[in-house]
Full PDB file with SEQRES, HELIX, SHEET, SSBOND, CRYST1, ORIGX, SCALE, CONECT and MASTER records, all heavy atoms in Angstrom:
SEQRES   1 A   42  SER ALA GLY THR ALA GLN ALA MET THR ILE GLU VAL ARG          
SEQRES   2 A   42  TYR ILE GLU ALA ASP GLY ILE ALA ARG GLN TYR VAL VAL          
SEQRES   3 A   42  GLY ARG ALA PRO GLY ASP TYR ALA ILE GLU PRO SER VAL          
SEQRES   4 A   42  ARG MET PRO                                                  
SHEET    1 AA1 2 GLU A  11  ILE A  15  0                                        
SHEET    2 AA1 2 ALA A  21  VAL A  25 -1                                        
CRYST1    1.000    1.000    1.000  90.00  90.00  90.00 P 1           1          
ORIGX1      1.000000  0.000000  0.000000        0.00000                         
ORIGX2      0.000000  1.000000  0.000000        0.00000                         
ORIGX3      0.000000  0.000000  1.000000        0.00000                         
SCALE1      1.000000  0.000000  0.000000        0.00000                         
SCALE2      0.000000  1.000000  0.000000        0.00000                         
SCALE3      0.000000  0.000000  1.000000        0.00000                         
ATOM      1  N   SER A   1    -104.928-103.265  63.461  1.00  0.00           N  
ATOM      2  CA  SER A   1    -105.719-103.295  62.193  1.00  0.00           C  
ATOM      3  C   SER A   1    -106.036-101.864  61.846  1.00  0.00           C  
ATOM      4  O   SER A   1    -106.012-100.990  62.785  1.00  0.00           O  
ATOM      5  CB  SER A   1    -107.025-103.998  62.228  1.00  0.00           C  
ATOM      6  OG  SER A   1    -106.780-105.419  62.285  1.00  0.00           O  
ATOM      7  N   ALA A   2    -106.130-101.556  60.467  1.00  0.00           N  
ATOM      8  CA  ALA A   2    -106.454-100.223  60.153  1.00  0.00           C  
ATOM      9  C   ALA A   2    -107.401-100.450  58.801  1.00  0.00           C  
ATOM     10  O   ALA A   2    -107.155-101.477  58.125  1.00  0.00           O  
ATOM     11  CB  ALA A   2    -105.360 -99.294  59.720  1.00  0.00           C  
ATOM     12  N   GLY A   3    -108.335 -99.682  58.680  1.00  0.00           N  
ATOM     13  CA  GLY A   3    -109.337 -99.748  57.494  1.00  0.00           C  
ATOM     14  C   GLY A   3    -110.772 -99.651  58.041  1.00  0.00           C  
ATOM     15  O   GLY A   3    -111.106 -98.914  58.885  1.00  0.00           O  
ATOM     16  N   THR A   4    -111.503-100.553  57.376  1.00  0.00           N  
ATOM     17  CA  THR A   4    -113.017-100.522  57.631  1.00  0.00           C  
ATOM     18  C   THR A   4    -113.398-102.037  58.000  1.00  0.00           C  
ATOM     19  O   THR A   4    -112.625-102.912  57.779  1.00  0.00           O  
ATOM     20  CB  THR A   4    -113.895-100.141  56.466  1.00  0.00           C  
ATOM     21  OG1 THR A   4    -113.709-101.118  55.336  1.00  0.00           O  
ATOM     22  CG2 THR A   4    -113.412 -98.694  55.934  1.00  0.00           C  
ATOM     23  N   ALA A   5    -114.639-102.181  58.550  1.00  0.00           N  
ATOM     24  CA  ALA A   5    -115.123-103.448  58.755  1.00  0.00           C  
ATOM     25  C   ALA A   5    -115.121-104.364  57.562  1.00  0.00           C  
ATOM     26  O   ALA A   5    -115.056-105.636  57.642  1.00  0.00           O  
ATOM     27  CB  ALA A   5    -116.429-103.416  59.526  1.00  0.00           C  
ATOM     28  N   GLN A   6    -115.277-103.704  56.394  1.00  0.00           N  
ATOM     29  CA  GLN A   6    -115.331-104.508  54.973  1.00  0.00           C  
ATOM     30  C   GLN A   6    -114.088-104.891  54.588  1.00  0.00           C  
ATOM     31  O   GLN A   6    -113.942-105.830  53.871  1.00  0.00           O  
ATOM     32  CB  GLN A   6    -116.273-103.750  54.090  1.00  0.00           C  
ATOM     33  CG  GLN A   6    -117.632-103.568  54.427  1.00  0.00           C  
ATOM     34  CD  GLN A   6    -117.939-102.580  55.448  1.00  0.00           C  
ATOM     35  OE1 GLN A   6    -117.209-101.453  55.586  1.00  0.00           O  
ATOM     36  NE2 GLN A   6    -118.935-102.711  56.338  1.00  0.00           N  
ATOM     37  N   ALA A   7    -113.039-104.064  54.812  1.00  0.00           N  
ATOM     38  CA  ALA A   7    -111.662-104.245  54.347  1.00  0.00           C  
ATOM     39  C   ALA A   7    -110.690-103.651  55.220  1.00  0.00           C  
ATOM     40  O   ALA A   7    -110.429-102.381  55.282  1.00  0.00           O  
ATOM     41  CB  ALA A   7    -111.614-103.581  52.878  1.00  0.00           C  
ATOM     42  N   MET A   8    -109.887-104.373  55.881  1.00  0.00           N  
ATOM     43  CA  MET A   8    -108.859-103.924  56.736  1.00  0.00           C  
ATOM     44  C   MET A   8    -107.454-104.837  56.711  1.00  0.00           C  
ATOM     45  O   MET A   8    -107.535-106.007  56.258  1.00  0.00           O  
ATOM     46  CB  MET A   8    -109.341-104.059  58.184  1.00  0.00           C  
ATOM     47  CG  MET A   8    -109.626-105.489  58.798  1.00  0.00           C  
ATOM     48  SD  MET A   8    -110.113-105.515  60.472  1.00  0.00           S  
ATOM     49  CE  MET A   8    -111.750-104.906  60.350  1.00  0.00           C  
ATOM     50  N   THR A   9    -106.405-104.169  57.085  1.00  0.00           N  
ATOM     51  CA  THR A   9    -105.280-104.879  57.334  1.00  0.00           C  
ATOM     52  C   THR A   9    -105.038-105.380  58.655  1.00  0.00           C  
ATOM     53  O   THR A   9    -105.713-104.998  59.528  1.00  0.00           O  
ATOM     54  CB  THR A   9    -104.124-103.995  56.868  1.00  0.00           C  
ATOM     55  OG1 THR A   9    -102.923-104.654  56.851  1.00  0.00           O  
ATOM     56  CG2 THR A   9    -104.068-102.758  57.805  1.00  0.00           C  
ATOM     57  N   ILE A  10    -104.273-106.425  58.719  1.00  0.00           N  
ATOM     58  CA  ILE A  10    -103.969-106.866  60.190  1.00  0.00           C  
ATOM     59  C   ILE A  10    -102.406-106.956  60.222  1.00  0.00           C  
ATOM     60  O   ILE A  10    -101.783-107.601  59.258  1.00  0.00           O  
ATOM     61  CB  ILE A  10    -104.379-108.240  60.422  1.00  0.00           C  
ATOM     62  CG1 ILE A  10    -106.065-108.365  60.377  1.00  0.00           C  
ATOM     63  CG2 ILE A  10    -103.966-108.858  61.893  1.00  0.00           C  
ATOM     64  CD1 ILE A  10    -106.615-109.687  60.487  1.00  0.00           C  
ATOM     65  N   GLU A  11    -101.775-106.410  61.062  1.00  0.00           N  
ATOM     66  CA  GLU A  11    -100.294-106.428  61.341  1.00  0.00           C  
ATOM     67  C   GLU A  11    -100.023-106.967  62.752  1.00  0.00           C  
ATOM     68  O   GLU A  11    -100.777-106.593  63.719  1.00  0.00           O  
ATOM     69  CB  GLU A  11     -99.648-104.998  61.179  1.00  0.00           C  
ATOM     70  CG  GLU A  11     -99.802-104.483  59.895  1.00  0.00           C  
ATOM     71  CD  GLU A  11     -99.265-103.047  59.685  1.00  0.00           C  
ATOM     72  OE1 GLU A  11     -98.817-102.443  60.728  1.00  0.00           O  
ATOM     73  OE2 GLU A  11     -99.263-102.380  58.580  1.00  0.00           O  
ATOM     74  N   VAL A  12     -99.037-107.620  62.782  1.00  0.00           N  
ATOM     75  CA  VAL A  12     -98.489-108.227  64.208  1.00  0.00           C  
ATOM     76  C   VAL A  12     -97.073-107.795  64.369  1.00  0.00           C  
ATOM     77  O   VAL A  12     -96.190-107.721  63.403  1.00  0.00           O  
ATOM     78  CB  VAL A  12     -98.733-109.645  64.282  1.00  0.00           C  
ATOM     79  CG1 VAL A  12     -97.771-110.507  63.303  1.00  0.00           C  
ATOM     80  CG2 VAL A  12     -98.463-110.114  65.711  1.00  0.00           C  
ATOM     81  N   ARG A  13     -96.786-107.428  65.615  1.00  0.00           N  
ATOM     82  CA  ARG A  13     -95.489-106.998  66.001  1.00  0.00           C  
ATOM     83  C   ARG A  13     -95.036-108.027  67.189  1.00  0.00           C  
ATOM     84  O   ARG A  13     -95.699-108.123  68.166  1.00  0.00           O  
ATOM     85  CB  ARG A  13     -95.279-105.721  66.494  1.00  0.00           C  
ATOM     86  CG  ARG A  13     -93.785-105.292  66.920  1.00  0.00           C  
ATOM     87  CD  ARG A  13     -93.794-103.800  67.325  1.00  0.00           C  
ATOM     88  NE  ARG A  13     -92.452-103.283  67.334  1.00  0.00           N  
ATOM     89  CZ  ARG A  13     -91.914-102.945  68.526  1.00  0.00           C  
ATOM     90  NH1 ARG A  13     -92.447-103.108  69.596  1.00  0.00           N  
ATOM     91  NH2 ARG A  13     -90.705-102.469  68.509  1.00  0.00           N  
ATOM     92  N   TYR A  14     -93.917-108.773  66.868  1.00  0.00           N  
ATOM     93  CA  TYR A  14     -93.444-109.727  67.792  1.00  0.00           C  
ATOM     94  C   TYR A  14     -92.003-109.215  68.263  1.00  0.00           C  
ATOM     95  O   TYR A  14     -91.334-108.719  67.538  1.00  0.00           O  
ATOM     96  CB  TYR A  14     -93.169-111.089  67.289  1.00  0.00           C  
ATOM     97  CG  TYR A  14     -94.479-111.964  66.834  1.00  0.00           C  
ATOM     98  CD1 TYR A  14     -94.623-112.381  65.628  1.00  0.00           C  
ATOM     99  CD2 TYR A  14     -95.392-112.026  67.706  1.00  0.00           C  
ATOM    100  CE1 TYR A  14     -95.691-113.121  65.174  1.00  0.00           C  
ATOM    101  CE2 TYR A  14     -96.555-112.747  67.399  1.00  0.00           C  
ATOM    102  CZ  TYR A  14     -96.743-113.331  66.165  1.00  0.00           C  
ATOM    103  OH  TYR A  14     -97.864-113.960  65.801  1.00  0.00           O  
ATOM    104  N   ILE A  15     -91.681-109.629  69.563  1.00  0.00           N  
ATOM    105  CA  ILE A  15     -90.236-109.503  69.982  1.00  0.00           C  
ATOM    106  C   ILE A  15     -89.752-110.969  69.767  1.00  0.00           C  
ATOM    107  O   ILE A  15     -90.215-111.885  70.530  1.00  0.00           O  
ATOM    108  CB  ILE A  15     -90.076-109.060  71.501  1.00  0.00           C  
ATOM    109  CG1 ILE A  15     -90.860-107.659  71.673  1.00  0.00           C  
ATOM    110  CG2 ILE A  15     -88.716-108.947  71.831  1.00  0.00           C  
ATOM    111  CD1 ILE A  15     -90.459-106.508  70.780  1.00  0.00           C  
ATOM    112  N   GLU A  16     -88.827-111.162  68.839  1.00  0.00           N  
ATOM    113  CA  GLU A  16     -88.480-112.458  68.449  1.00  0.00           C  
ATOM    114  C   GLU A  16     -87.386-113.047  69.514  1.00  0.00           C  
ATOM    115  O   GLU A  16     -86.977-112.291  70.313  1.00  0.00           O  
ATOM    116  CB  GLU A  16     -87.771-112.452  67.020  1.00  0.00           C  
ATOM    117  CG  GLU A  16     -88.760-111.974  65.989  1.00  0.00           C  
ATOM    118  CD  GLU A  16     -89.891-112.752  65.494  1.00  0.00           C  
ATOM    119  OE1 GLU A  16     -89.986-113.879  66.071  1.00  0.00           O  
ATOM    120  OE2 GLU A  16     -90.618-112.376  64.651  1.00  0.00           O  
ATOM    121  N   ALA A  17     -87.188-114.296  69.415  1.00  0.00           N  
ATOM    122  CA  ALA A  17     -86.213-114.856  70.276  1.00  0.00           C  
ATOM    123  C   ALA A  17     -84.735-114.208  70.325  1.00  0.00           C  
ATOM    124  O   ALA A  17     -84.181-114.308  71.375  1.00  0.00           O  
ATOM    125  CB  ALA A  17     -86.031-116.361  69.985  1.00  0.00           C  
ATOM    126  N   ASP A  18     -84.383-113.613  69.197  1.00  0.00           N  
ATOM    127  CA  ASP A  18     -83.153-112.943  69.095  1.00  0.00           C  
ATOM    128  C   ASP A  18     -83.185-111.507  69.746  1.00  0.00           C  
ATOM    129  O   ASP A  18     -82.187-110.884  69.691  1.00  0.00           O  
ATOM    130  CB  ASP A  18     -82.619-112.869  67.661  1.00  0.00           C  
ATOM    131  CG  ASP A  18     -83.487-112.217  66.746  1.00  0.00           C  
ATOM    132  OD1 ASP A  18     -84.595-111.601  67.170  1.00  0.00           O  
ATOM    133  OD2 ASP A  18     -83.311-112.263  65.584  1.00  0.00           O  
ATOM    134  N   GLY A  19     -84.264-111.173  70.322  1.00  0.00           N  
ATOM    135  CA  GLY A  19     -84.379-109.820  70.974  1.00  0.00           C  
ATOM    136  C   GLY A  19     -84.729-108.709  69.974  1.00  0.00           C  
ATOM    137  O   GLY A  19     -85.068-107.614  70.411  1.00  0.00           O  
ATOM    138  N   ILE A  20     -84.965-108.990  68.810  1.00  0.00           N  
ATOM    139  CA  ILE A  20     -85.276-107.954  67.741  1.00  0.00           C  
ATOM    140  C   ILE A  20     -86.796-107.908  67.527  1.00  0.00           C  
ATOM    141  O   ILE A  20     -87.556-108.900  67.541  1.00  0.00           O  
ATOM    142  CB  ILE A  20     -84.589-108.335  66.350  1.00  0.00           C  
ATOM    143  CG1 ILE A  20     -83.027-108.273  66.509  1.00  0.00           C  
ATOM    144  CG2 ILE A  20     -85.063-107.275  65.390  1.00  0.00           C  
ATOM    145  CD1 ILE A  20     -82.208-108.641  65.383  1.00  0.00           C  
ATOM    146  N   ALA A  21     -87.312-106.693  67.486  1.00  0.00           N  
ATOM    147  CA  ALA A  21     -88.687-106.391  67.233  1.00  0.00           C  
ATOM    148  C   ALA A  21     -89.022-106.518  65.775  1.00  0.00           C  
ATOM    149  O   ALA A  21     -88.352-105.629  65.142  1.00  0.00           O  
ATOM    150  CB  ALA A  21     -89.214-105.118  67.874  1.00  0.00           C  
ATOM    151  N   ARG A  22     -90.011-107.280  65.349  1.00  0.00           N  
ATOM    152  CA  ARG A  22     -90.252-107.313  63.905  1.00  0.00           C  
ATOM    153  C   ARG A  22     -91.778-107.206  63.718  1.00  0.00           C  
ATOM    154  O   ARG A  22     -92.515-107.764  64.480  1.00  0.00           O  
ATOM    155  CB  ARG A  22     -89.904-108.692  63.244  1.00  0.00           C  
ATOM    156  CG  ARG A  22     -88.233-108.887  63.185  1.00  0.00           C  
ATOM    157  CD  ARG A  22     -87.766-110.101  62.460  1.00  0.00           C  
ATOM    158  NE  ARG A  22     -86.417-110.188  62.474  1.00  0.00           N  
ATOM    159  CZ  ARG A  22     -85.758-110.717  63.460  1.00  0.00           C  
ATOM    160  NH1 ARG A  22     -86.192-111.249  64.508  1.00  0.00           N  
ATOM    161  NH2 ARG A  22     -84.295-110.811  63.186  1.00  0.00           N  
ATOM    162  N   GLN A  23     -92.200-106.430  62.597  1.00  0.00           N  
ATOM    163  CA  GLN A  23     -93.466-106.214  62.380  1.00  0.00           C  
ATOM    164  C   GLN A  23     -93.799-106.748  61.081  1.00  0.00           C  
ATOM    165  O   GLN A  23     -93.114-106.678  60.077  1.00  0.00           O  
ATOM    166  CB  GLN A  23     -93.924-104.726  62.374  1.00  0.00           C  
ATOM    167  CG  GLN A  23     -95.360-104.411  62.241  1.00  0.00           C  
ATOM    168  CD  GLN A  23     -95.687-102.988  62.636  1.00  0.00           C  
ATOM    169  OE1 GLN A  23     -94.935-102.447  63.512  1.00  0.00           O  
ATOM    170  NE2 GLN A  23     -96.743-102.583  62.249  1.00  0.00           N  
ATOM    171  N   TYR A  24     -95.089-107.579  60.967  1.00  0.00           N  
ATOM    172  CA  TYR A  24     -95.374-108.194  59.765  1.00  0.00           C  
ATOM    173  C   TYR A  24     -96.843-107.819  59.290  1.00  0.00           C  
ATOM    174  O   TYR A  24     -97.726-107.585  60.331  1.00  0.00           O  
ATOM    175  CB  TYR A  24     -95.348-109.749  60.028  1.00  0.00           C  
ATOM    176  CG  TYR A  24     -94.178-110.300  60.628  1.00  0.00           C  
ATOM    177  CD1 TYR A  24     -93.804-110.396  61.844  1.00  0.00           C  
ATOM    178  CD2 TYR A  24     -93.130-110.888  59.562  1.00  0.00           C  
ATOM    179  CE1 TYR A  24     -92.598-110.835  62.325  1.00  0.00           C  
ATOM    180  CE2 TYR A  24     -92.079-111.368  60.127  1.00  0.00           C  
ATOM    181  CZ  TYR A  24     -91.771-111.414  61.464  1.00  0.00           C  
ATOM    182  OH  TYR A  24     -90.644-111.987  61.944  1.00  0.00           O  
ATOM    183  N   VAL A  25     -97.210-107.969  58.199  1.00  0.00           N  
ATOM    184  CA  VAL A  25     -98.482-107.993  57.612  1.00  0.00           C  
ATOM    185  C   VAL A  25     -99.025-109.239  57.531  1.00  0.00           C  
ATOM    186  O   VAL A  25     -98.334-110.248  57.108  1.00  0.00           O  
ATOM    187  CB  VAL A  25     -98.640-107.314  56.224  1.00  0.00           C  
ATOM    188  CG1 VAL A  25    -100.120-107.320  55.660  1.00  0.00           C  
ATOM    189  CG2 VAL A  25     -98.364-105.849  56.287  1.00  0.00           C  
ATOM    190  N   VAL A  26    -100.211-109.610  58.062  1.00  0.00           N  
ATOM    191  CA  VAL A  26    -100.819-111.086  57.996  1.00  0.00           C  
ATOM    192  C   VAL A  26    -101.480-111.139  56.753  1.00  0.00           C  
ATOM    193  O   VAL A  26    -102.099-110.232  56.183  1.00  0.00           O  
ATOM    194  CB  VAL A  26    -101.683-111.109  59.153  1.00  0.00           C  
ATOM    195  CG1 VAL A  26    -102.404-112.466  59.088  1.00  0.00           C  
ATOM    196  CG2 VAL A  26    -101.149-110.880  60.490  1.00  0.00           C  
ATOM    197  N   GLY A  27    -101.305-112.296  56.103  1.00  0.00           N  
ATOM    198  CA  GLY A  27    -101.949-112.654  54.881  1.00  0.00           C  
ATOM    199  C   GLY A  27    -102.501-114.168  54.932  1.00  0.00           C  
ATOM    200  O   GLY A  27    -101.962-114.903  55.656  1.00  0.00           O  
ATOM    201  N   ARG A  28    -103.333-114.441  53.931  1.00  0.00           N  
ATOM    202  CA  ARG A  28    -103.855-115.820  53.761  1.00  0.00           C  
ATOM    203  C   ARG A  28    -103.008-116.581  52.858  1.00  0.00           C  
ATOM    204  O   ARG A  28    -102.384-115.772  51.838  1.00  0.00           O  
ATOM    205  CB  ARG A  28    -105.345-115.790  53.164  1.00  0.00           C  
ATOM    206  CG  ARG A  28    -106.394-115.346  54.045  1.00  0.00           C  
ATOM    207  CD  ARG A  28    -107.682-115.500  53.382  1.00  0.00           C  
ATOM    208  NE  ARG A  28    -108.599-114.317  53.711  1.00  0.00           N  
ATOM    209  CZ  ARG A  28    -108.427-113.070  53.261  1.00  0.00           C  
ATOM    210  NH1 ARG A  28    -107.556-112.752  52.352  1.00  0.00           N  
ATOM    211  NH2 ARG A  28    -109.194-112.137  53.712  1.00  0.00           N  
ATOM    212  N   ALA A  29    -102.817-117.734  52.954  1.00  0.00           N  
ATOM    213  CA  ALA A  29    -102.083-118.520  51.927  1.00  0.00           C  
ATOM    214  C   ALA A  29    -103.050-118.930  50.885  1.00  0.00           C  
ATOM    215  O   ALA A  29    -104.124-119.082  51.159  1.00  0.00           O  
ATOM    216  CB  ALA A  29    -101.490-119.795  52.587  1.00  0.00           C  
ATOM    217  N   PRO A  30    -102.586-119.086  49.534  1.00  0.00           N  
ATOM    218  CA  PRO A  30    -101.225-118.608  49.071  1.00  0.00           C  
ATOM    219  C   PRO A  30    -101.108-117.262  48.850  1.00  0.00           C  
ATOM    220  O   PRO A  30    -102.144-116.491  48.641  1.00  0.00           O  
ATOM    221  CB  PRO A  30    -101.004-119.480  47.818  1.00  0.00           C  
ATOM    222  CG  PRO A  30    -102.516-119.492  47.249  1.00  0.00           C  
ATOM    223  CD  PRO A  30    -103.332-119.537  48.531  1.00  0.00           C  
ATOM    224  N   GLY A  31     -99.969-116.717  48.890  1.00  0.00           N  
ATOM    225  CA  GLY A  31     -99.622-115.404  48.601  1.00  0.00           C  
ATOM    226  C   GLY A  31     -98.815-115.308  47.449  1.00  0.00           C  
ATOM    227  O   GLY A  31     -97.776-115.854  47.324  1.00  0.00           O  
ATOM    228  N   ASP A  32     -99.092-114.283  46.417  1.00  0.00           N  
ATOM    229  CA  ASP A  32     -98.158-114.090  45.335  1.00  0.00           C  
ATOM    230  C   ASP A  32     -97.545-112.722  45.592  1.00  0.00           C  
ATOM    231  O   ASP A  32     -97.974-111.618  45.437  1.00  0.00           O  
ATOM    232  CB  ASP A  32     -99.070-113.983  44.029  1.00  0.00           C  
ATOM    233  CG  ASP A  32     -98.218-113.717  42.887  1.00  0.00           C  
ATOM    234  OD1 ASP A  32     -96.947-113.764  43.038  1.00  0.00           O  
ATOM    235  OD2 ASP A  32     -98.747-113.544  41.664  1.00  0.00           O  
ATOM    236  N   TYR A  33     -96.182-112.792  46.137  1.00  0.00           N  
ATOM    237  CA  TYR A  33     -95.525-111.593  46.330  1.00  0.00           C  
ATOM    238  C   TYR A  33     -94.462-111.242  45.252  1.00  0.00           C  
ATOM    239  O   TYR A  33     -93.652-110.507  45.433  1.00  0.00           O  
ATOM    240  CB  TYR A  33     -94.749-111.837  47.702  1.00  0.00           C  
ATOM    241  CG  TYR A  33     -95.755-112.039  48.815  1.00  0.00           C  
ATOM    242  CD1 TYR A  33     -95.828-113.188  49.566  1.00  0.00           C  
ATOM    243  CD2 TYR A  33     -96.710-111.045  49.305  1.00  0.00           C  
ATOM    244  CE1 TYR A  33     -96.713-113.406  50.574  1.00  0.00           C  
ATOM    245  CE2 TYR A  33     -97.467-111.225  50.187  1.00  0.00           C  
ATOM    246  CZ  TYR A  33     -97.575-112.514  50.861  1.00  0.00           C  
ATOM    247  OH  TYR A  33     -98.430-112.650  51.844  1.00  0.00           O  
ATOM    248  N   ALA A  34     -94.585-111.778  44.001  1.00  0.00           N  
ATOM    249  CA  ALA A  34     -93.727-111.493  42.971  1.00  0.00           C  
ATOM    250  C   ALA A  34     -94.064-110.253  42.327  1.00  0.00           C  
ATOM    251  O   ALA A  34     -93.189-109.624  41.561  1.00  0.00           O  
ATOM    252  CB  ALA A  34     -93.778-112.658  42.027  1.00  0.00           C  
ATOM    253  N   ILE A  35     -95.226-109.783  42.469  1.00  0.00           N  
ATOM    254  CA  ILE A  35     -95.576-108.454  41.803  1.00  0.00           C  
ATOM    255  C   ILE A  35     -95.773-107.429  43.002  1.00  0.00           C  
ATOM    256  O   ILE A  35     -95.597-107.637  44.276  1.00  0.00           O  
ATOM    257  CB  ILE A  35     -96.985-108.570  41.097  1.00  0.00           C  
ATOM    258  CG1 ILE A  35     -98.078-109.168  42.178  1.00  0.00           C  
ATOM    259  CG2 ILE A  35     -96.774-109.528  39.888  1.00  0.00           C  
ATOM    260  CD1 ILE A  35     -99.439-109.097  41.541  1.00  0.00           C  
ATOM    261  N   GLU A  36     -95.948-106.218  42.601  1.00  0.00           N  
ATOM    262  CA  GLU A  36     -96.066-105.059  43.663  1.00  0.00           C  
ATOM    263  C   GLU A  36     -97.562-105.184  44.206  1.00  0.00           C  
ATOM    264  O   GLU A  36     -98.386-105.704  43.609  1.00  0.00           O  
ATOM    265  CB  GLU A  36     -96.011-103.730  43.019  1.00  0.00           C  
ATOM    266  CG  GLU A  36     -94.525-103.440  42.508  1.00  0.00           C  
ATOM    267  CD  GLU A  36     -93.496-103.401  43.738  1.00  0.00           C  
ATOM    268  OE1 GLU A  36     -93.786-102.736  44.725  1.00  0.00           O  
ATOM    269  OE2 GLU A  36     -92.476-104.056  43.633  1.00  0.00           O  
ATOM    270  N   PRO A  37     -97.637-104.823  45.576  1.00  0.00           N  
ATOM    271  CA  PRO A  37     -99.049-104.775  46.134  1.00  0.00           C  
ATOM    272  C   PRO A  37     -99.929-104.063  45.266  1.00  0.00           C  
ATOM    273  O   PRO A  37     -99.669-102.928  44.754  1.00  0.00           O  
ATOM    274  CB  PRO A  37     -98.800-104.123  47.429  1.00  0.00           C  
ATOM    275  CG  PRO A  37     -97.250-104.134  47.828  1.00  0.00           C  
ATOM    276  CD  PRO A  37     -96.579-104.269  46.407  1.00  0.00           C  
ATOM    277  N   SER A  38    -101.133-104.529  45.164  1.00  0.00           N  
ATOM    278  CA  SER A  38    -102.191-103.967  44.258  1.00  0.00           C  
ATOM    279  C   SER A  38    -103.333-103.270  44.922  1.00  0.00           C  
ATOM    280  O   SER A  38    -104.243-102.756  44.237  1.00  0.00           O  
ATOM    281  CB  SER A  38    -102.623-105.012  43.236  1.00  0.00           C  
ATOM    282  OG  SER A  38    -103.383-105.988  43.926  1.00  0.00           O  
ATOM    283  N   VAL A  39    -103.531-103.335  46.270  1.00  0.00           N  
ATOM    284  CA  VAL A  39    -104.613-102.819  47.023  1.00  0.00           C  
ATOM    285  C   VAL A  39    -104.030-101.695  47.744  1.00  0.00           C  
ATOM    286  O   VAL A  39    -103.234-101.808  48.706  1.00  0.00           O  
ATOM    287  CB  VAL A  39    -105.325-103.842  47.896  1.00  0.00           C  
ATOM    288  CG1 VAL A  39    -106.374-103.329  48.685  1.00  0.00           C  
ATOM    289  CG2 VAL A  39    -105.733-105.119  47.121  1.00  0.00           C  
ATOM    290  N   ARG A  40    -104.751-100.474  47.643  1.00  0.00           N  
ATOM    291  CA  ARG A  40    -104.382 -99.414  48.430  1.00  0.00           C  
ATOM    292  C   ARG A  40    -105.355 -99.232  49.512  1.00  0.00           C  
ATOM    293  O   ARG A  40    -106.647 -99.035  49.090  1.00  0.00           O  
ATOM    294  CB  ARG A  40    -104.454 -98.135  47.645  1.00  0.00           C  
ATOM    295  CG  ARG A  40    -104.044 -96.806  48.402  1.00  0.00           C  
ATOM    296  CD  ARG A  40    -103.379 -95.776  47.604  1.00  0.00           C  
ATOM    297  NE  ARG A  40    -101.930 -96.068  47.578  1.00  0.00           N  
ATOM    298  CZ  ARG A  40    -101.020 -95.301  47.182  1.00  0.00           C  
ATOM    299  NH1 ARG A  40    -101.250 -94.157  46.790  1.00  0.00           N  
ATOM    300  NH2 ARG A  40     -99.798 -95.815  47.032  1.00  0.00           N  
ATOM    301  N   MET A  41    -105.054 -99.240  50.747  1.00  0.00           N  
ATOM    302  CA  MET A  41    -105.900 -99.316  51.874  1.00  0.00           C  
ATOM    303  C   MET A  41    -105.931 -97.899  52.667  1.00  0.00           C  
ATOM    304  O   MET A  41    -105.068 -97.604  53.339  1.00  0.00           O  
ATOM    305  CB  MET A  41    -105.544-100.402  52.872  1.00  0.00           C  
ATOM    306  CG  MET A  41    -106.253-100.322  54.204  1.00  0.00           C  
ATOM    307  SD  MET A  41    -107.864-101.203  54.329  1.00  0.00           S  
ATOM    308  CE  MET A  41    -107.453-102.747  53.519  1.00  0.00           C  
ATOM    309  N   PRO A  42    -106.934 -96.923  52.432  1.00  0.00           N  
ATOM    310  CA  PRO A  42    -106.876 -95.776  53.171  1.00  0.00           C  
ATOM    311  C   PRO A  42    -107.315 -95.809  54.547  1.00  0.00           C  
ATOM    312  O   PRO A  42    -108.093 -96.769  54.852  1.00  0.00           O  
ATOM    313  CB  PRO A  42    -107.757 -94.823  52.271  1.00  0.00           C  
ATOM    314  CG  PRO A  42    -108.689 -95.809  51.690  1.00  0.00           C  
ATOM    315  CD  PRO A  42    -107.954 -97.122  51.531  1.00  0.00           C  
TER     316      PRO A  42                                                      
MASTER        0    0    0    0    2    0    0    6  315    1    0    4          
END                                                                             
């Protein structure tokens, strides 16, 4: 995570079954990914 106690991001990195490491941002459902991200997290 990065940010503050009031507003932070959570990312997870897995080594998948195919041996490839992938990193994801965690989000709550539902997520609207049709537009550009609108929150800038310093």
